[in-house]
Protein backbone atom coordinates (compact mmCIF):
# COMPACT_ATOMS: atom_id res chain seq x y z
CA UNK A 1 -60.14 -2.35 126.29
CA UNK A 2 -63.55 -0.93 125.42
CA UNK A 3 -63.39 -1.40 121.71
CA UNK A 4 -63.23 -5.08 120.52
CA UNK A 5 -62.88 -4.25 116.76
CA UNK A 6 -58.97 -4.66 116.83
CA UNK A 7 -58.75 -8.16 118.41
CA UNK A 8 -61.87 -9.47 116.44
CA UNK A 9 -60.04 -8.38 113.15
CA UNK A 10 -56.95 -10.07 114.44
CA UNK A 11 -58.68 -13.32 115.23
CA UNK A 12 -60.52 -13.41 112.07
CA UNK A 13 -57.33 -12.65 109.97
CA UNK A 14 -55.42 -15.55 111.78
CA UNK A 15 -58.42 -17.93 110.75
CA UNK A 16 -58.28 -16.71 107.18
CA UNK A 17 -54.41 -17.56 107.19
CA UNK A 18 -55.25 -21.05 108.75
CA UNK A 19 -58.08 -21.43 105.98
CA UNK A 20 -55.54 -20.66 103.32
CA UNK A 21 -53.14 -23.49 104.41
CA UNK A 22 -55.83 -25.92 103.84
CA UNK A 23 -56.76 -24.26 100.67
CA UNK A 24 -53.05 -24.67 99.52
CA UNK A 25 -52.96 -28.24 100.63
CA UNK A 26 -55.81 -29.24 98.66
CA UNK A 27 -54.96 -27.19 95.55
CA UNK A 28 -58.13 -25.17 95.76
CA UNK A 29 -58.44 -22.03 93.81
CA UNK A 30 -58.55 -18.67 95.81
CA UNK A 31 -56.05 -19.68 98.28
CA UNK A 32 -53.93 -16.66 97.70
CA UNK A 33 -56.74 -14.15 98.12
CA UNK A 34 -57.77 -15.89 101.22
CA UNK A 35 -54.28 -15.74 102.58
CA UNK A 36 -53.82 -11.91 101.81
CA UNK A 37 -57.29 -11.07 103.24
CA UNK A 38 -56.31 -13.00 106.36
CA UNK A 39 -53.00 -11.01 106.45
CA UNK A 40 -54.53 -7.72 106.11
CA UNK A 41 -57.04 -8.32 108.44
CA UNK A 42 -54.62 -9.58 111.09
CA UNK A 43 -52.26 -6.67 110.43
CA UNK A 44 -54.95 -4.11 110.77
CA UNK A 45 -56.49 -5.74 113.96
CA UNK A 46 -52.97 -5.92 115.52
CA UNK A 47 -52.23 -2.41 114.73
CA UNK A 48 -55.75 -1.27 116.04
CA UNK A 49 -55.25 -3.33 119.41
CA UNK A 50 -51.64 -1.79 120.01
CA UNK A 51 -53.03 1.80 119.00
CA UNK A 52 -55.99 1.55 121.54
CA UNK A 53 -53.58 0.00 124.32
CA UNK A 54 -51.07 2.88 123.74
CA UNK A 55 -53.98 5.56 123.97
CA UNK A 56 -55.39 3.88 127.08
CA UNK A 57 -51.92 4.05 128.97
CA UNK A 58 -51.56 7.86 128.08
């Protein structure tokens, strides 16, 4: 896979979701924003990774 944008976004999103768990446990403000940002990044990154993989196979 030549383009690394998809996997990078997926990893950053996963780290954002883990960070939001720490925010939730410590009752810090902004935990929901961090969670939804991480979820969106990992969803887009996973979609881009699969799309590039399917394009490379055909």
